[in-house]
């Protein structure tokens, strides 16, 4: 279909805009991934789509298009961690420490990375994975390899310099055919939308008020986990309940700072990693409660 029709659907203002159907969104995404239309038209669509804004049906159509190009690998006993591709700016990552703790179990962590995407100028998953030795139970997927067509849009996205619908779609490609997944969410109203987009792709799907939009818990927050049917269970998690008194940073940190905290973690940071490990074990249905998982880790 003529791509200009899609630009017209999202870029003519409140009175003229309309939502794309599932099939239209799938076709749109295929044309964008193939870059069969000029980069200016891709950027124009992404801007209009963001302002319209995007619908669940549109996200699902675009995600289906991505699936057709994604090179997948089966990783049994795994949980997919959906990180934002614009990185973390004020706090270190904790997943390498979580993985070390989980070596005592059979649960594998699946993470994905690429060059930095807009809009936050943060330290990316790729930055960490390129500069640290990962435990064997971390399965890192470089998007340049598993979905090169989306990787090749990095330059266009960075020239646009704004968040787009891609920031949502790219978080959870289910590249490892994992049964379980978790991603971060800033605000409760987005929980239902994320569940509608991603939940049926996994046996169990969860969202957490994670640090800087990541699936990493650093302070008191909420965990939402899908139950049978359309039910969503909400759990409040407070690190202080587990004797953890970690103080988040409010200042921008460097890659060197982030690596230093991973290589020489404080006791509080190690305890925080243990709590995150317990959360993942709970989501993966290894234990009935987070408390049980936390105690079992030792």
C-alpha atoms as a PDB file:
ATOM      1  CA  UNK A   1       0.000   0.000   0.000  1.00  0.00           C
ATOM      2  CA  UNK A   2       1.119   3.591  -0.681  1.00  0.00           C
ATOM      3  CA  UNK A   3       3.086   4.654   2.397  1.00  0.00           C
ATOM      4  CA  UNK A   4       1.866   8.238   2.099  1.00  0.00           C
ATOM      5  CA  UNK A   5      -1.574   6.948   3.089  1.00  0.00           C
ATOM      6  CA  UNK A   6      -0.135   6.027   6.478  1.00  0.00           C
ATOM      7  CA  UNK A   7       1.521   9.422   6.903  1.00  0.00           C
ATOM      8  CA  UNK A   8      -1.824  11.048   6.084  1.00  0.00           C
ATOM      9  CA  UNK A   9      -3.562   8.842   8.681  1.00  0.00           C
ATOM     10  CA  UNK A  10      -1.328  10.041  11.520  1.00  0.00           C
ATOM     11  CA  UNK A  11      -0.219  13.486  10.374  1.00  0.00           C
ATOM     12  CA  UNK A  12      -3.255  15.568   9.421  1.00  0.00           C
ATOM     13  CA  UNK A  13      -4.333  16.680  12.889  1.00  0.00           C
ATOM     14  CA  UNK A  14      -7.042  15.647  15.363  1.00  0.00           C
ATOM     15  CA  UNK A  15      -9.902  15.964  12.872  1.00  0.00           C
ATOM     16  CA  UNK A  16      -8.229  14.076  10.033  1.00  0.00           C
ATOM     17  CA  UNK A  17      -6.166  11.497  11.899  1.00  0.00           C
ATOM     18  CA  UNK A  18      -7.315   7.902  12.145  1.00  0.00           C
ATOM     19  CA  UNK A  19      -6.003   4.680  13.656  1.00  0.00           C
ATOM     20  CA  UNK A  20      -4.401   2.068  11.428  1.00  0.00           C
ATOM     21  CA  UNK A  21      -5.826  -1.421  11.321  1.00  0.00           C
ATOM     22  CA  UNK A  22      -3.717  -4.414  12.345  1.00  0.00           C
ATOM     23  CA  UNK A  23      -2.953  -5.269   8.704  1.00  0.00           C
ATOM     24  CA  UNK A  24      -2.168  -1.646   7.820  1.00  0.00           C
ATOM     25  CA  UNK A  25       0.224  -1.367  10.748  1.00  0.00           C
ATOM     26  CA  UNK A  26       1.902  -4.631   9.772  1.00  0.00           C
ATOM     27  CA  UNK A  27       2.320  -3.394   6.193  1.00  0.00           C
ATOM     28  CA  UNK A  28       3.602  -0.022   7.431  1.00  0.00           C
ATOM     29  CA  UNK A  29       6.220  -1.707   9.591  1.00  0.00           C
ATOM     30  CA  UNK A  30       7.333  -4.039   6.813  1.00  0.00           C
ATOM     31  CA  UNK A  31       7.910  -1.055   4.502  1.00  0.00           C
ATOM     32  CA  UNK A  32       9.810   0.771   7.240  1.00  0.00           C
ATOM     33  CA  UNK A  33      11.990  -2.241   8.059  1.00  0.00           C
ATOM     34  CA  UNK A  34      12.726  -2.800   4.374  1.00  0.00           C
ATOM     35  CA  UNK A  35      13.418   0.953   4.012  1.00  0.00           C
ATOM     36  CA  UNK A  36      11.506   0.795   0.759  1.00  0.00           C
ATOM     37  CA  UNK A  37      10.361   4.390   1.382  1.00  0.00           C
ATOM     38  CA  UNK A  38      12.530   7.504   1.866  1.00  0.00           C
ATOM     39  CA  UNK A  39      13.953   8.145   5.328  1.00  0.00           C
ATOM     40  CA  UNK A  40      12.124  11.490   5.429  1.00  0.00           C
ATOM     41  CA  UNK A  41       8.795   9.684   5.121  1.00  0.00           C
ATOM     42  CA  UNK A  42       9.770   7.210   7.844  1.00  0.00           C
ATOM     43  CA  UNK A  43      10.680  10.068  10.204  1.00  0.00           C
ATOM     44  CA  UNK A  44       7.469  11.932   9.352  1.00  0.00           C
ATOM     45  CA  UNK A  45       5.369   8.879  10.119  1.00  0.00           C
ATOM     46  CA  UNK A  46       7.122   8.158  13.408  1.00  0.00           C
ATOM     47  CA  UNK A  47       6.576  11.728  14.587  1.00  0.00           C
ATOM     48  CA  UNK A  48       2.904  11.760  13.599  1.00  0.00           C
ATOM     49  CA  UNK A  49       2.322   8.297  15.029  1.00  0.00           C
ATOM     50  CA  UNK A  50       3.735   9.375  18.374  1.00  0.00           C
ATOM     51  CA  UNK A  51       1.563  12.489  18.515  1.00  0.00           C
ATOM     52  CA  UNK A  52      -1.651  10.752  17.409  1.00  0.00           C
ATOM     53  CA  UNK A  53      -0.863   8.519  19.573  1.00  0.00           C
ATOM     54  CA  UNK A  54      -0.293   4.814  18.873  1.00  0.00           C
ATOM     55  CA  UNK A  55      -2.968   2.186  19.625  1.00  0.00           C
ATOM     56  CA  UNK A  56      -2.627  -1.341  20.953  1.00  0.00           C
ATOM     57  CA  UNK A  57      -3.785  -2.770  17.625  1.00  0.00           C
ATOM     58  CA  UNK A  58      -1.148  -0.744  15.786  1.00  0.00           C
ATOM     59  CA  UNK A  59       1.575  -1.928  18.136  1.00  0.00           C
ATOM     60  CA  UNK A  60       0.516  -5.548  17.676  1.00  0.00           C
ATOM     61  CA  UNK A  61       0.530  -5.230  13.894  1.00  0.00           C
ATOM     62  CA  UNK A  62       3.981  -3.650  13.879  1.00  0.00           C
ATOM     63  CA  UNK A  63       5.293  -6.270  16.302  1.00  0.00           C
ATOM     64  CA  UNK A  64       4.005  -9.055  14.040  1.00  0.00           C
ATOM     65  CA  UNK A  65       5.961  -7.535  11.147  1.00  0.00           C
ATOM     66  CA  UNK A  66       9.093  -7.524  13.310  1.00  0.00           C
ATOM     67  CA  UNK A  67       8.533 -11.187  14.146  1.00  0.00           C
ATOM     68  CA  UNK A  68       8.794 -12.149  10.479  1.00  0.00           C
ATOM     69  CA  UNK A  69      12.346 -10.772  10.349  1.00  0.00           C
ATOM     70  CA  UNK A  70      13.566 -11.815  13.819  1.00  0.00           C
ATOM     71  CA  UNK A  71      16.142 -14.611  14.022  1.00  0.00           C
ATOM     72  CA  UNK A  72      15.179 -16.567  17.135  1.00  0.00           C
ATOM     73  CA  UNK A  73      16.972 -19.154  19.252  1.00  0.00           C
ATOM     74  CA  UNK A  74      15.366 -21.432  21.833  1.00  0.00           C
ATOM     75  CA  UNK A  75      16.679 -20.791  25.352  1.00  0.00           C
ATOM     76  CA  UNK A  76      14.900 -23.169  27.769  1.00  0.00           C
ATOM     77  CA  UNK A  77      14.148 -22.111  31.347  1.00  0.00           C
ATOM     78  CA  UNK A  78      14.546 -18.442  30.510  1.00  0.00           C
ATOM     79  CA  UNK A  79      12.994 -15.118  31.394  1.00  0.00           C
ATOM     80  CA  UNK A  80      13.250 -12.256  28.912  1.00  0.00           C
ATOM     81  CA  UNK A  81      14.167  -8.882  30.434  1.00  0.00           C
ATOM     82  CA  UNK A  82      12.798  -5.984  28.387  1.00  0.00           C
ATOM     83  CA  UNK A  83      15.187  -3.055  28.744  1.00  0.00           C
ATOM     84  CA  UNK A  84      14.768   0.317  27.021  1.00  0.00           C
ATOM     85  CA  UNK A  85      17.303   0.852  24.251  1.00  0.00           C
ATOM     86  CA  UNK A  86      18.052   4.438  25.298  1.00  0.00           C
ATOM     87  CA  UNK A  87      19.977   3.215  28.325  1.00  0.00           C
ATOM     88  CA  UNK A  88      20.327   4.198  31.977  1.00  0.00           C
ATOM     89  CA  UNK A  89      21.767   7.591  32.854  1.00  0.00           C
ATOM     90  CA  UNK A  90      21.830   7.833  36.651  1.00  0.00           C
ATOM     91  CA  UNK A  91      22.296   4.334  38.065  1.00  0.00           C
ATOM     92  CA  UNK A  92      24.308   1.216  37.225  1.00  0.00           C
ATOM     93  CA  UNK A  93      22.778  -1.936  35.838  1.00  0.00           C
ATOM     94  CA  UNK A  94      22.238  -4.841  38.197  1.00  0.00           C
ATOM     95  CA  UNK A  95      21.512  -7.784  35.868  1.00  0.00           C
ATOM     96  CA  UNK A  96      25.117  -9.149  35.847  1.00  0.00           C
ATOM     97  CA  UNK A  97      24.977  -9.511  39.636  1.00  0.00           C
ATOM     98  CA  UNK A  98      21.487 -11.018  39.462  1.00  0.00           C
ATOM     99  CA  UNK A  99      22.749 -13.608  37.005  1.00  0.00           C
ATOM    100  CA  UNK A 100      25.587 -14.624  39.326  1.00  0.00           C
ATOM    101  CA  UNK A 101      23.063 -15.223  42.109  1.00  0.00           C
ATOM    102  CA  UNK A 102      20.824 -17.207  39.757  1.00  0.00           C
ATOM    103  CA  UNK A 103      23.679 -19.567  38.864  1.00  0.00           C
ATOM    104  CA  UNK A 104      22.447 -21.608  41.820  1.00  0.00           C
ATOM    105  CA  UNK A 105      19.188 -22.161  39.907  1.00  0.00           C
ATOM    106  CA  UNK A 106      18.257 -23.299  36.399  1.00  0.00           C
ATOM    107  CA  UNK A 107      16.847 -19.903  35.335  1.00  0.00           C
ATOM    108  CA  UNK A 108      18.518 -18.120  32.408  1.00  0.00           C
ATOM    109  CA  UNK A 109      18.300 -14.375  31.800  1.00  0.00           C
ATOM    110  CA  UNK A 110      17.687 -13.191  28.236  1.00  0.00           C
ATOM    111  CA  UNK A 111      18.685  -9.614  27.365  1.00  0.00           C
ATOM    112  CA  UNK A 112      18.866  -7.654  24.124  1.00  0.00           C
ATOM    113  CA  UNK A 113      21.030  -4.707  23.110  1.00  0.00           C
ATOM    114  CA  UNK A 114      22.002  -2.374  20.290  1.00  0.00           C
ATOM    115  CA  UNK A 115      23.489   1.043  19.665  1.00  0.00           C
ATOM    116  CA  UNK A 116      21.856   3.818  21.712  1.00  0.00           C
ATOM    117  CA  UNK A 117      18.407   4.897  20.533  1.00  0.00           C
ATOM    118  CA  UNK A 118      16.693   8.208  21.380  1.00  0.00           C
ATOM    119  CA  UNK A 119      15.772   9.965  23.517  1.00  0.00           C
ATOM    120  CA  UNK A 120      17.780   9.475  26.743  1.00  0.00           C
ATOM    121  CA  UNK A 121      21.565   9.718  26.531  1.00  0.00           C
ATOM    122  CA  UNK A 122      22.151   6.723  28.764  1.00  0.00           C
ATOM    123  CA  UNK A 123      24.521   3.792  29.148  1.00  0.00           C
ATOM    124  CA  UNK A 124      23.141   0.914  27.099  1.00  0.00           C
ATOM    125  CA  UNK A 125      22.934  -2.834  27.609  1.00  0.00           C
ATOM    126  CA  UNK A 126      25.408  -3.151  24.727  1.00  0.00           C
ATOM    127  CA  UNK A 127      27.874  -0.856  26.519  1.00  0.00           C
ATOM    128  CA  UNK A 128      27.805  -3.156  29.551  1.00  0.00           C
ATOM    129  CA  UNK A 129      27.943  -6.429  27.648  1.00  0.00           C
ATOM    130  CA  UNK A 130      30.885  -5.206  25.550  1.00  0.00           C
ATOM    131  CA  UNK A 131      32.880  -4.371  28.671  1.00  0.00           C
ATOM    132  CA  UNK A 132      32.215  -7.123  31.196  1.00  0.00           C
ATOM    133  CA  UNK A 133      32.458 -10.898  31.379  1.00  0.00           C
ATOM    134  CA  UNK A 134      28.926 -12.254  31.612  1.00  0.00           C
ATOM    135  CA  UNK A 135      27.859 -15.344  33.518  1.00  0.00           C
ATOM    136  CA  UNK A 136      26.949 -18.333  31.371  1.00  0.00           C
ATOM    137  CA  UNK A 137      23.298 -18.038  32.388  1.00  0.00           C
ATOM    138  CA  UNK A 138      22.995 -14.636  30.682  1.00  0.00           C
ATOM    139  CA  UNK A 139      22.034 -14.952  27.027  1.00  0.00           C
ATOM    140  CA  UNK A 140      22.810 -11.639  25.322  1.00  0.00           C
ATOM    141  CA  UNK A 141      21.338 -11.018  21.886  1.00  0.00           C
ATOM    142  CA  UNK A 142      22.790  -8.240  19.726  1.00  0.00           C
ATOM    143  CA  UNK A 143      20.030  -6.756  17.578  1.00  0.00           C
ATOM    144  CA  UNK A 144      22.475  -6.282  14.718  1.00  0.00           C
ATOM    145  CA  UNK A 145      22.296 -10.071  14.459  1.00  0.00           C
ATOM    146  CA  UNK A 146      18.732 -10.996  15.453  1.00  0.00           C
ATOM    147  CA  UNK A 147      16.828  -8.107  13.812  1.00  0.00           C
ATOM    148  CA  UNK A 148      19.249  -6.277  11.572  1.00  0.00           C
ATOM    149  CA  UNK A 149      16.512  -4.410   9.719  1.00  0.00           C
ATOM    150  CA  UNK A 150      15.500  -2.571  12.892  1.00  0.00           C
ATOM    151  CA  UNK A 151      19.161  -2.048  13.807  1.00  0.00           C
ATOM    152  CA  UNK A 152      19.662  -0.351  10.435  1.00  0.00           C
ATOM    153  CA  UNK A 153      17.067   2.298  11.363  1.00  0.00           C
ATOM    154  CA  UNK A 154      19.280   3.606  14.187  1.00  0.00           C
ATOM    155  CA  UNK A 155      20.632   6.525  12.149  1.00  0.00           C
ATOM    156  CA  UNK A 156      17.145   7.697  11.122  1.00  0.00           C
ATOM    157  CA  UNK A 157      15.892   7.457  14.696  1.00  0.00           C
ATOM    158  CA  UNK A 158      18.844   9.358  16.129  1.00  0.00           C
ATOM    159  CA  UNK A 159      18.456  12.108  13.540  1.00  0.00           C
ATOM    160  CA  UNK A 160      14.793  12.397  14.552  1.00  0.00           C
ATOM    161  CA  UNK A 161      16.001  12.513  18.157  1.00  0.00           C
ATOM    162  CA  UNK A 162      12.643  11.699  19.743  1.00  0.00           C
ATOM    163  CA  UNK A 163      10.953   8.693  21.272  1.00  0.00           C
ATOM    164  CA  UNK A 164       8.712   6.797  18.883  1.00  0.00           C
ATOM    165  CA  UNK A 165       6.497   3.745  18.832  1.00  0.00           C
ATOM    166  CA  UNK A 166       9.636   1.704  18.230  1.00  0.00           C
ATOM    167  CA  UNK A 167      10.725   2.355  21.830  1.00  0.00           C
ATOM    168  CA  UNK A 168       7.776   0.221  22.959  1.00  0.00           C
ATOM    169  CA  UNK A 169       7.873  -2.450  20.261  1.00  0.00           C
ATOM    170  CA  UNK A 170      11.572  -3.222  20.571  1.00  0.00           C
ATOM    171  CA  UNK A 171      11.601  -4.024  24.286  1.00  0.00           C
ATOM    172  CA  UNK A 172      10.343  -7.601  24.026  1.00  0.00           C
ATOM    173  CA  UNK A 173      11.064  -9.387  20.720  1.00  0.00           C
ATOM    174  CA  UNK A 174      10.743 -12.848  22.353  1.00  0.00           C
ATOM    175  CA  UNK A 175      13.993 -13.671  20.589  1.00  0.00           C
ATOM    176  CA  UNK A 176      14.618 -16.723  22.822  1.00  0.00           C
ATOM    177  CA  UNK A 177      11.059 -18.095  22.800  1.00  0.00           C
ATOM    178  CA  UNK A 178      11.005 -17.555  26.566  1.00  0.00           C
ATOM    179  CA  UNK A 179       7.937 -18.569  28.532  1.00  0.00           C
ATOM    180  CA  UNK A 180       8.378 -15.641  30.921  1.00  0.00           C
ATOM    181  CA  UNK A 181       9.051 -11.943  30.484  1.00  0.00           C
ATOM    182  CA  UNK A 182       9.239  -8.737  32.478  1.00  0.00           C
ATOM    183  CA  UNK A 183       9.720  -5.122  31.467  1.00  0.00           C
ATOM    184  CA  UNK A 184       9.665  -1.776  33.199  1.00  0.00           C
ATOM    185  CA  UNK A 185       6.869   0.765  33.196  1.00  0.00           C
ATOM    186  CA  UNK A 186       6.761   4.309  34.542  1.00  0.00           C
ATOM    187  CA  UNK A 187       3.073   4.841  35.150  1.00  0.00           C
ATOM    188  CA  UNK A 188       0.176   2.539  36.067  1.00  0.00           C
ATOM    189  CA  UNK A 189      -2.052   3.603  33.106  1.00  0.00           C
ATOM    190  CA  UNK A 190       0.452   1.955  30.766  1.00  0.00           C
ATOM    191  CA  UNK A 191       0.150  -1.414  32.477  1.00  0.00           C
ATOM    192  CA  UNK A 192      -3.057  -2.415  30.691  1.00  0.00           C
ATOM    193  CA  UNK A 193      -1.675  -1.320  27.315  1.00  0.00           C
ATOM    194  CA  UNK A 194       1.535  -3.318  27.736  1.00  0.00           C
ATOM    195  CA  UNK A 195      -0.447  -6.367  28.833  1.00  0.00           C
ATOM    196  CA  UNK A 196      -2.641  -6.078  25.732  1.00  0.00           C
ATOM    197  CA  UNK A 197       0.434  -5.820  23.495  1.00  0.00           C
ATOM    198  CA  UNK A 198       2.720  -8.473  24.968  1.00  0.00           C
ATOM    199  CA  UNK A 199       0.993 -10.807  27.445  1.00  0.00           C
ATOM    200  CA  UNK A 200      -0.267 -13.428  24.996  1.00  0.00           C
ATOM    201  CA  UNK A 201       3.288 -13.963  23.741  1.00  0.00           C
ATOM    202  CA  UNK A 202       4.341 -15.523  27.056  1.00  0.00           C
ATOM    203  CA  UNK A 203       3.141 -18.044  29.603  1.00  0.00           C
ATOM    204  CA  UNK A 204       3.549 -15.392  32.309  1.00  0.00           C
ATOM    205  CA  UNK A 205       4.127 -11.679  31.745  1.00  0.00           C
ATOM    206  CA  UNK A 206       5.022  -9.039  34.311  1.00  0.00           C
ATOM    207  CA  UNK A 207       5.648  -5.305  34.583  1.00  0.00           C
ATOM    208  CA  UNK A 208       7.497  -3.472  37.318  1.00  0.00           C
ATOM    209  CA  UNK A 209       8.068   0.109  38.385  1.00  0.00           C
ATOM    210  CA  UNK A 210      11.725  -0.368  37.630  1.00  0.00           C
ATOM    211  CA  UNK A 211      14.657   1.994  37.834  1.00  0.00           C
ATOM    212  CA  UNK A 212      14.758   4.345  34.812  1.00  0.00           C
ATOM    213  CA  UNK A 213      12.148   2.277  32.991  1.00  0.00           C
ATOM    214  CA  UNK A 214      14.108  -0.967  33.291  1.00  0.00           C
ATOM    215  CA  UNK A 215      12.965  -4.305  34.782  1.00  0.00           C
ATOM    216  CA  UNK A 216      15.303  -3.654  37.725  1.00  0.00           C
ATOM    217  CA  UNK A 217      13.839  -2.783  41.127  1.00  0.00           C
ATOM    218  CA  UNK A 218      15.904  -0.240  43.082  1.00  0.00           C
ATOM    219  CA  UNK A 219      13.320   1.169  45.507  1.00  0.00           C
ATOM    220  CA  UNK A 220       9.775   0.574  46.716  1.00  0.00           C
ATOM    221  CA  UNK A 221       7.517  -0.069  43.764  1.00  0.00           C
ATOM    222  CA  UNK A 222       4.751  -2.138  42.246  1.00  0.00           C
ATOM    223  CA  UNK A 223       4.925  -5.408  40.356  1.00  0.00           C
ATOM    224  CA  UNK A 224       2.058  -6.324  38.030  1.00  0.00           C
ATOM    225  CA  UNK A 225       1.808  -9.922  36.909  1.00  0.00           C
ATOM    226  CA  UNK A 226      -0.718 -11.472  34.552  1.00  0.00           C
ATOM    227  CA  UNK A 227      -2.961 -14.195  35.881  1.00  0.00           C
ATOM    228  CA  UNK A 228      -5.401 -16.517  34.143  1.00  0.00           C
ATOM    229  CA  UNK A 229      -7.734 -14.683  31.797  1.00  0.00           C
ATOM    230  CA  UNK A 230      -7.425 -10.906  31.840  1.00  0.00           C
ATOM    231  CA  UNK A 231      -6.670 -10.559  35.547  1.00  0.00           C
ATOM    232  CA  UNK A 232      -3.626  -8.542  36.597  1.00  0.00           C
ATOM    233  CA  UNK A 233      -2.266  -9.048  40.101  1.00  0.00           C
ATOM    234  CA  UNK A 234      -0.527  -6.107  41.786  1.00  0.00           C
ATOM    235  CA  UNK A 235       2.168  -6.636  44.407  1.00  0.00           C
ATOM    236  CA  UNK A 236       3.987  -3.905  46.319  1.00  0.00           C
ATOM    237  CA  UNK A 237       7.683  -4.645  46.858  1.00  0.00           C
ATOM    238  CA  UNK A 238       9.677  -2.688  49.427  1.00  0.00           C
ATOM    239  CA  UNK A 239      13.417  -3.429  49.657  1.00  0.00           C
ATOM    240  CA  UNK A 240      13.430  -2.207  53.273  1.00  0.00           C
ATOM    241  CA  UNK A 241      11.146  -5.123  54.162  1.00  0.00           C
ATOM    242  CA  UNK A 242      14.077  -7.379  53.195  1.00  0.00           C
ATOM    243  CA  UNK A 243      16.589  -5.316  55.158  1.00  0.00           C
ATOM    244  CA  UNK A 244      17.912  -3.496  52.092  1.00  0.00           C
ATOM    245  CA  UNK A 245      18.815   0.191  52.366  1.00  0.00           C
ATOM    246  CA  UNK A 246      20.217   1.063  48.956  1.00  0.00           C
ATOM    247  CA  UNK A 247      20.128   4.731  47.962  1.00  0.00           C
ATOM    248  CA  UNK A 248      19.542   5.501  44.294  1.00  0.00           C
ATOM    249  CA  UNK A 249      21.733   8.005  42.521  1.00  0.00           C
ATOM    250  CA  UNK A 250      20.204  11.220  41.191  1.00  0.00           C
ATOM    251  CA  UNK A 251      23.344  12.268  39.328  1.00  0.00           C
ATOM    252  CA  UNK A 252      24.494  11.239  35.867  1.00  0.00           C
ATOM    253  CA  UNK A 253      27.103   8.483  35.965  1.00  0.00           C
ATOM    254  CA  UNK A 254      29.700   7.334  33.452  1.00  0.00           C
ATOM    255  CA  UNK A 255      30.206   3.878  31.968  1.00  0.00           C
ATOM    256  CA  UNK A 256      33.324   3.545  34.127  1.00  0.00           C
ATOM    257  CA  UNK A 257      31.240   4.300  37.247  1.00  0.00           C
ATOM    258  CA  UNK A 258      28.661   1.709  36.252  1.00  0.00           C
ATOM    259  CA  UNK A 259      31.295  -0.966  35.627  1.00  0.00           C
ATOM    260  CA  UNK A 260      33.050  -0.170  38.903  1.00  0.00           C
ATOM    261  CA  UNK A 261      29.855  -0.742  40.899  1.00  0.00           C
ATOM    262  CA  UNK A 262      29.374  -4.067  39.144  1.00  0.00           C
ATOM    263  CA  UNK A 263      32.958  -5.199  39.669  1.00  0.00           C
ATOM    264  CA  UNK A 264      33.113  -4.005  43.290  1.00  0.00           C
ATOM    265  CA  UNK A 265      29.507  -3.977  44.532  1.00  0.00           C
ATOM    266  CA  UNK A 266      28.567  -2.757  47.986  1.00  0.00           C
ATOM    267  CA  UNK A 267      26.779  -5.095  50.403  1.00  0.00           C
ATOM    268  CA  UNK A 268      23.539  -3.143  49.877  1.00  0.00           C
ATOM    269  CA  UNK A 269      23.855  -3.500  46.105  1.00  0.00           C
ATOM    270  CA  UNK A 270      24.406  -7.252  46.388  1.00  0.00           C
ATOM    271  CA  UNK A 271      21.311  -7.566  48.580  1.00  0.00           C
ATOM    272  CA  UNK A 272      19.363  -5.576  46.003  1.00  0.00           C
ATOM    273  CA  UNK A 273      20.539  -7.993  43.321  1.00  0.00           C
ATOM    274  CA  UNK A 274      19.317 -10.855  45.476  1.00  0.00           C
ATOM    275  CA  UNK A 275      15.854  -9.268  45.704  1.00  0.00           C
ATOM    276  CA  UNK A 276      15.688  -8.806  41.937  1.00  0.00           C
ATOM    277  CA  UNK A 277      16.715 -12.436  41.491  1.00  0.00           C
ATOM    278  CA  UNK A 278      13.882 -13.464  43.821  1.00  0.00           C
ATOM    279  CA  UNK A 279      11.399 -11.426  41.776  1.00  0.00           C
ATOM    280  CA  UNK A 280      12.472 -13.166  38.559  1.00  0.00           C
ATOM    281  CA  UNK A 281      12.250 -16.594  40.173  1.00  0.00           C
ATOM    282  CA  UNK A 282       8.738 -15.779  41.360  1.00  0.00           C
ATOM    283  CA  UNK A 283       7.638 -14.652  37.901  1.00  0.00           C
ATOM    284  CA  UNK A 284       9.137 -17.809  36.396  1.00  0.00           C
ATOM    285  CA  UNK A 285       6.962 -19.817  38.803  1.00  0.00           C
ATOM    286  CA  UNK A 286       9.922 -21.362  40.641  1.00  0.00           C
ATOM    287  CA  UNK A 287       8.482 -20.234  44.004  1.00  0.00           C
ATOM    288  CA  UNK A 288       5.014 -19.341  45.231  1.00  0.00           C
ATOM    289  CA  UNK A 289       6.079 -16.000  46.699  1.00  0.00           C
ATOM    290  CA  UNK A 290       8.919 -13.512  46.407  1.00  0.00           C
ATOM    291  CA  UNK A 291       9.667 -14.064  50.087  1.00  0.00           C
ATOM    292  CA  UNK A 292      10.063 -17.827  49.519  1.00  0.00           C
ATOM    293  CA  UNK A 293      12.442 -17.196  46.629  1.00  0.00           C
ATOM    294  CA  UNK A 294      14.458 -14.628  48.608  1.00  0.00           C
ATOM    295  CA  UNK A 295      14.857 -17.026  51.542  1.00  0.00           C
ATOM    296  CA  UNK A 296      15.772 -19.948  49.286  1.00  0.00           C
ATOM    297  CA  UNK A 297      18.571 -18.032  47.578  1.00  0.00           C
ATOM    298  CA  UNK A 298      20.312 -17.752  50.935  1.00  0.00           C
END
